[in-house]
Structures are given as C-alpha cells and as structure tokens.
Amino acid sequence: MTINEIQDELIEEFSLFGDWMEKYENIIQMGKELPLIDEQYKTDDNLIKGCQSRVWLHADYKDGNIVFTADSDAIITKGLVSMVVRVLSNHTPNEIVNADLYFVDQIGLKEHLSVTRSNGLLSMIKQMKMYALALQTKENAN
C-alpha cells in the first residue's frame, strides 16, 4: 500500500467513531498493538526531542525501505506514534521525505490534542522524515 492509501484507511477507520472519547479509545488500542522497539534501542539517542512524554524511535533500513519501531511511556502518545509508524514504515526514504501527511488534519487530531501532544506528534513526524532524509542522502551518494 502507498502512504496515501494507508492514510485514507486510517481516516476511514476514524470516521466510524461518533465522538472523541471513542477516537481516543481507538488511539489507545492502536498503541497497544504497536510493534515494540527492541529494548536495546531504548536509549537517549533514540528519544524524540520535543515530546513531553518519553518516545523512543528506531529506524531499520531493509531492502530499500525504512522500518520504524517505537515505544512511549504514555498511552495516548504511544497510540499517536503507532499511527505515524503505520503510515510511514515499510516505505522508501524518498517516499517518506516527500509524503504529505494529511491524515493528522483529516482525523481532527490538531483540534483535539493538547498543544504539547500536538507538538510531540509533529516532532515524531519530523524525526522520521529526518531519518529518511539521511538515508536518502546516503543512498544518493552511493
């Protein structure tokens, strides 16, 4: 699936919920289903700066695609990072760098997240794109 197809799928899933309490429950459930980061990657180097909660993000480069794993010590934040991992993982660095992540607005996350959580979500996306940009630069140099 393309990044946009995954975003559309996510938007469709969230449209099934009537109110924001149900949507928050879904975000929490997504966090529980997040493929966890290996304990060896839970280091200060993998902590995302700009998140109020502790969020670890690791990127593996396999067969031309980036595979992200993550974890957080906060349940909502863990759900948020799981959504971004779902959308961006298993894509090429170029696809990730150039992705327009419209699902955040379409689902209504900006309006319903606190400022600190919203900033944290943007920091997660920025970090994933930075990993992709670094790998893209490395690929182009070879």
C-alpha atoms as a PDB file:
ATOM      1  CA  MET A   1       0.000   0.000   0.000  1.00  0.00           C
ATOM      2  CA  THR A   2       1.098   3.553  -0.658  1.00  0.00           C
ATOM      3  CA  ILE A   3       1.456   6.122   2.121  1.00  0.00           C
ATOM      4  CA  ASN A   4      -1.706   7.868   0.903  1.00  0.00           C
ATOM      5  CA  GLU A   5      -3.677   4.595   0.813  1.00  0.00           C
ATOM      6  CA  ILE A   6      -2.672   3.909   4.420  1.00  0.00           C
ATOM      7  CA  GLN A   7      -3.641   7.462   5.423  1.00  0.00           C
ATOM      8  CA  ASP A   8      -7.023   7.050   3.698  1.00  0.00           C
ATOM      9  CA  GLU A   9      -7.545   3.743   5.516  1.00  0.00           C
ATOM     10  CA  LEU A  10      -6.772   5.440   8.847  1.00  0.00           C
ATOM     11  CA  ILE A  11      -9.149   8.332   8.087  1.00  0.00           C
ATOM     12  CA  GLU A  12     -11.866   5.810   7.180  1.00  0.00           C
ATOM     13  CA  GLU A  13     -11.335   3.928  10.466  1.00  0.00           C
ATOM     14  CA  PHE A  14     -11.651   7.127  12.496  1.00  0.00           C
ATOM     15  CA  SER A  15     -14.807   8.172  10.605  1.00  0.00           C
ATOM     16  CA  LEU A  16     -16.564   5.141  12.141  1.00  0.00           C
ATOM     17  CA  PHE A  17     -16.360   6.660  15.622  1.00  0.00           C
ATOM     18  CA  GLY A  18     -19.047   9.079  16.739  1.00  0.00           C
ATOM     19  CA  ASP A  19     -17.256  11.105  19.368  1.00  0.00           C
ATOM     20  CA  TRP A  20     -13.777  11.900  20.570  1.00  0.00           C
ATOM     21  CA  MET A  21     -13.904   9.552  23.558  1.00  0.00           C
ATOM     22  CA  GLU A  22     -14.282   6.649  21.105  1.00  0.00           C
ATOM     23  CA  LYS A  23     -11.487   8.058  18.953  1.00  0.00           C
ATOM     24  CA  TYR A  24      -9.183   8.333  21.993  1.00  0.00           C
ATOM     25  CA  GLU A  25     -10.009   4.715  22.882  1.00  0.00           C
ATOM     26  CA  ASN A  26      -9.037   3.741  19.339  1.00  0.00           C
ATOM     27  CA  ILE A  27      -5.752   5.668  19.618  1.00  0.00           C
ATOM     28  CA  ILE A  28      -5.002   3.859  22.901  1.00  0.00           C
ATOM     29  CA  GLN A  29      -5.839   0.491  21.301  1.00  0.00           C
ATOM     30  CA  MET A  30      -3.514   1.259  18.386  1.00  0.00           C
ATOM     31  CA  GLY A  31      -0.749   1.962  20.889  1.00  0.00           C
ATOM     32  CA  LYS A  32      -1.286  -1.458  22.451  1.00  0.00           C
ATOM     33  CA  GLU A  33      -0.855  -3.053  19.018  1.00  0.00           C
ATOM     34  CA  LEU A  34       2.342  -1.137  18.185  1.00  0.00           C
ATOM     35  CA  PRO A  35       5.249  -3.452  17.348  1.00  0.00           C
ATOM     36  CA  LEU A  36       7.574  -2.548  20.195  1.00  0.00           C
ATOM     37  CA  ILE A  37      11.059  -1.246  19.823  1.00  0.00           C
ATOM     38  CA  ASP A  38      13.765  -3.664  20.924  1.00  0.00           C
ATOM     39  CA  GLU A  39      14.921  -2.805  24.456  1.00  0.00           C
ATOM     40  CA  GLN A  40      18.484  -2.202  23.182  1.00  0.00           C
ATOM     41  CA  TYR A  41      17.178   0.821  21.233  1.00  0.00           C
ATOM     42  CA  LYS A  42      15.531   2.467  24.239  1.00  0.00           C
ATOM     43  CA  THR A  43      18.437   4.852  24.616  1.00  0.00           C
ATOM     44  CA  ASP A  44      18.743   8.613  24.960  1.00  0.00           C
ATOM     45  CA  ASP A  45      19.941   8.743  21.333  1.00  0.00           C
ATOM     46  CA  ASN A  46      16.574   7.367  20.190  1.00  0.00           C
ATOM     47  CA  LEU A  47      14.435   9.663  22.346  1.00  0.00           C
ATOM     48  CA  ILE A  48      12.458  12.170  20.306  1.00  0.00           C
ATOM     49  CA  LYS A  49      13.191  15.738  21.317  1.00  0.00           C
ATOM     50  CA  GLY A  50      10.117  17.923  21.656  1.00  0.00           C
ATOM     51  CA  CYS A  51       7.851  15.318  23.217  1.00  0.00           C
ATOM     52  CA  GLN A  52       6.609  15.849  26.746  1.00  0.00           C
ATOM     53  CA  SER A  53       6.379  12.067  27.167  1.00  0.00           C
ATOM     54  CA  ARG A  54       9.306   9.810  26.528  1.00  0.00           C
ATOM     55  CA  VAL A  55       9.123   8.436  22.982  1.00  0.00           C
ATOM     56  CA  TRP A  56      11.773   6.177  21.513  1.00  0.00           C
ATOM     57  CA  LEU A  57      12.021   5.746  17.756  1.00  0.00           C
ATOM     58  CA  HIS A  58      14.316   3.420  15.849  1.00  0.00           C
ATOM     59  CA  ALA A  59      14.713   3.099  12.094  1.00  0.00           C
ATOM     60  CA  ASP A  60      15.994  -0.006  10.327  1.00  0.00           C
ATOM     61  CA  TYR A  61      16.850   0.060   6.640  1.00  0.00           C
ATOM     62  CA  LYS A  62      15.818  -3.190   4.949  1.00  0.00           C
ATOM     63  CA  ASP A  63      15.594  -3.932   1.236  1.00  0.00           C
ATOM     64  CA  GLY A  64      15.354  -0.263   0.288  1.00  0.00           C
ATOM     65  CA  ASN A  65      12.611   0.504   2.826  1.00  0.00           C
ATOM     66  CA  ILE A  66      12.707   2.034   6.278  1.00  0.00           C
ATOM     67  CA  VAL A  67      11.089   0.028   9.063  1.00  0.00           C
ATOM     68  CA  PHE A  68      10.258   2.049  12.158  1.00  0.00           C
ATOM     69  CA  THR A  69       9.741   0.698  15.652  1.00  0.00           C
ATOM     70  CA  ALA A  70       8.784   2.841  18.626  1.00  0.00           C
ATOM     71  CA  ASP A  71       7.533   2.973  22.189  1.00  0.00           C
ATOM     72  CA  SER A  72       6.328   5.573  24.668  1.00  0.00           C
ATOM     73  CA  ASP A  73       5.711   5.740  28.385  1.00  0.00           C
ATOM     74  CA  ALA A  74       2.329   7.465  27.830  1.00  0.00           C
ATOM     75  CA  ILE A  75      -0.682   5.607  26.419  1.00  0.00           C
ATOM     76  CA  ILE A  76      -2.051   8.350  24.145  1.00  0.00           C
ATOM     77  CA  THR A  77       1.414   9.218  22.861  1.00  0.00           C
ATOM     78  CA  LYS A  78       2.096   5.546  22.187  1.00  0.00           C
ATOM     79  CA  GLY A  79      -1.075   5.476  20.091  1.00  0.00           C
ATOM     80  CA  LEU A  80      -0.037   8.587  18.190  1.00  0.00           C
ATOM     81  CA  VAL A  81       3.406   7.226  17.361  1.00  0.00           C
ATOM     82  CA  SER A  82       1.815   3.925  16.304  1.00  0.00           C
ATOM     83  CA  MET A  83      -0.274   5.798  13.717  1.00  0.00           C
ATOM     84  CA  VAL A  84       2.764   7.530  12.239  1.00  0.00           C
ATOM     85  CA  VAL A  85       4.725   4.250  12.243  1.00  0.00           C
ATOM     86  CA  ARG A  86       1.810   2.563  10.455  1.00  0.00           C
ATOM     87  CA  VAL A  87       1.703   5.283   7.787  1.00  0.00           C
ATOM     88  CA  LEU A  88       5.439   5.700   7.150  1.00  0.00           C
ATOM     89  CA  SER A  89       7.028   2.333   7.923  1.00  0.00           C
ATOM     90  CA  ASN A  90       7.969  -0.006   5.061  1.00  0.00           C
ATOM     91  CA  HIS A  91       8.422   2.762   2.513  1.00  0.00           C
ATOM     92  CA  THR A  92      11.461   4.104   0.714  1.00  0.00           C
ATOM     93  CA  PRO A  93      13.342   7.104   2.090  1.00  0.00           C
ATOM     94  CA  ASN A  94      12.184   9.136  -0.928  1.00  0.00           C
ATOM     95  CA  GLU A  95       8.504   8.284  -0.330  1.00  0.00           C
ATOM     96  CA  ILE A  96       8.789   9.245   3.350  1.00  0.00           C
ATOM     97  CA  VAL A  97      10.641  12.520   2.702  1.00  0.00           C
ATOM     98  CA  ASN A  98       8.054  13.583   0.118  1.00  0.00           C
ATOM     99  CA  ALA A  99       4.955  12.351   1.986  1.00  0.00           C
ATOM    100  CA  ASP A 100       2.184  14.853   2.642  1.00  0.00           C
ATOM    101  CA  LEU A 101       0.751  13.642   5.935  1.00  0.00           C
ATOM    102  CA  TYR A 102      -2.811  14.901   5.658  1.00  0.00           C
ATOM    103  CA  PHE A 103      -4.322  12.297   7.983  1.00  0.00           C
ATOM    104  CA  VAL A 104      -3.487  14.397  11.068  1.00  0.00           C
ATOM    105  CA  ASP A 105      -5.814  17.186   9.888  1.00  0.00           C
ATOM    106  CA  GLN A 106      -8.410  14.878   8.345  1.00  0.00           C
ATOM    107  CA  ILE A 107      -8.891  12.892  11.557  1.00  0.00           C
ATOM    108  CA  GLY A 108      -9.071  16.133  13.553  1.00  0.00           C
ATOM    109  CA  LEU A 109      -6.084  15.437  15.783  1.00  0.00           C
ATOM    110  CA  LYS A 110      -4.866  19.045  15.789  1.00  0.00           C
ATOM    111  CA  GLU A 111      -8.138  20.304  17.271  1.00  0.00           C
ATOM    112  CA  HIS A 112      -8.392  17.564  19.899  1.00  0.00           C
ATOM    113  CA  LEU A 113      -4.833  17.201  21.149  1.00  0.00           C
ATOM    114  CA  SER A 114      -3.254  19.410  23.757  1.00  0.00           C
ATOM    115  CA  VAL A 115      -0.582  21.778  22.459  1.00  0.00           C
ATOM    116  CA  THR A 116       2.173  19.634  23.995  1.00  0.00           C
ATOM    117  CA  ARG A 117       0.821  16.433  22.404  1.00  0.00           C
ATOM    118  CA  SER A 118       0.366  18.178  19.081  1.00  0.00           C
ATOM    119  CA  ASN A 119       3.951  19.444  19.207  1.00  0.00           C
ATOM    120  CA  GLY A 120       5.099  15.943  20.167  1.00  0.00           C
ATOM    121  CA  LEU A 121       3.295  14.441  17.169  1.00  0.00           C
ATOM    122  CA  LEU A 122       4.982  16.965  14.880  1.00  0.00           C
ATOM    123  CA  SER A 123       8.344  16.104  16.465  1.00  0.00           C
ATOM    124  CA  MET A 124       7.742  12.390  15.760  1.00  0.00           C
ATOM    125  CA  ILE A 125       6.943  13.098  12.111  1.00  0.00           C
ATOM    126  CA  LYS A 126       9.941  15.432  11.789  1.00  0.00           C
ATOM    127  CA  GLN A 127      12.286  12.802  13.274  1.00  0.00           C
ATOM    128  CA  MET A 128      11.005  10.083  10.919  1.00  0.00           C
ATOM    129  CA  LYS A 129      11.475  12.372   7.942  1.00  0.00           C
ATOM    130  CA  MET A 130      14.998  13.247   9.172  1.00  0.00           C
ATOM    131  CA  TYR A 131      15.898   9.535   9.312  1.00  0.00           C
ATOM    132  CA  ALA A 132      14.531   9.158   5.777  1.00  0.00           C
ATOM    133  CA  LEU A 133      16.397  12.221   4.523  1.00  0.00           C
ATOM    134  CA  ALA A 134      19.669  10.936   5.995  1.00  0.00           C
ATOM    135  CA  LEU A 135      19.177   7.545   4.324  1.00  0.00           C
ATOM    136  CA  GLN A 136      18.120   9.177   1.056  1.00  0.00           C
ATOM    137  CA  THR A 137      21.282  11.306   1.078  1.00  0.00           C
ATOM    138  CA  LYS A 138      23.372   8.228   1.843  1.00  0.00           C
ATOM    139  CA  GLU A 139      21.671   6.301  -0.999  1.00  0.00           C
ATOM    140  CA  ASN A 140      22.270   9.111  -3.478  1.00  0.00           C
ATOM    141  CA  ALA A 141      25.940   9.303  -2.503  1.00  0.00           C
ATOM    142  CA  ASN A 142      26.474   5.614  -3.413  1.00  0.00           C
END
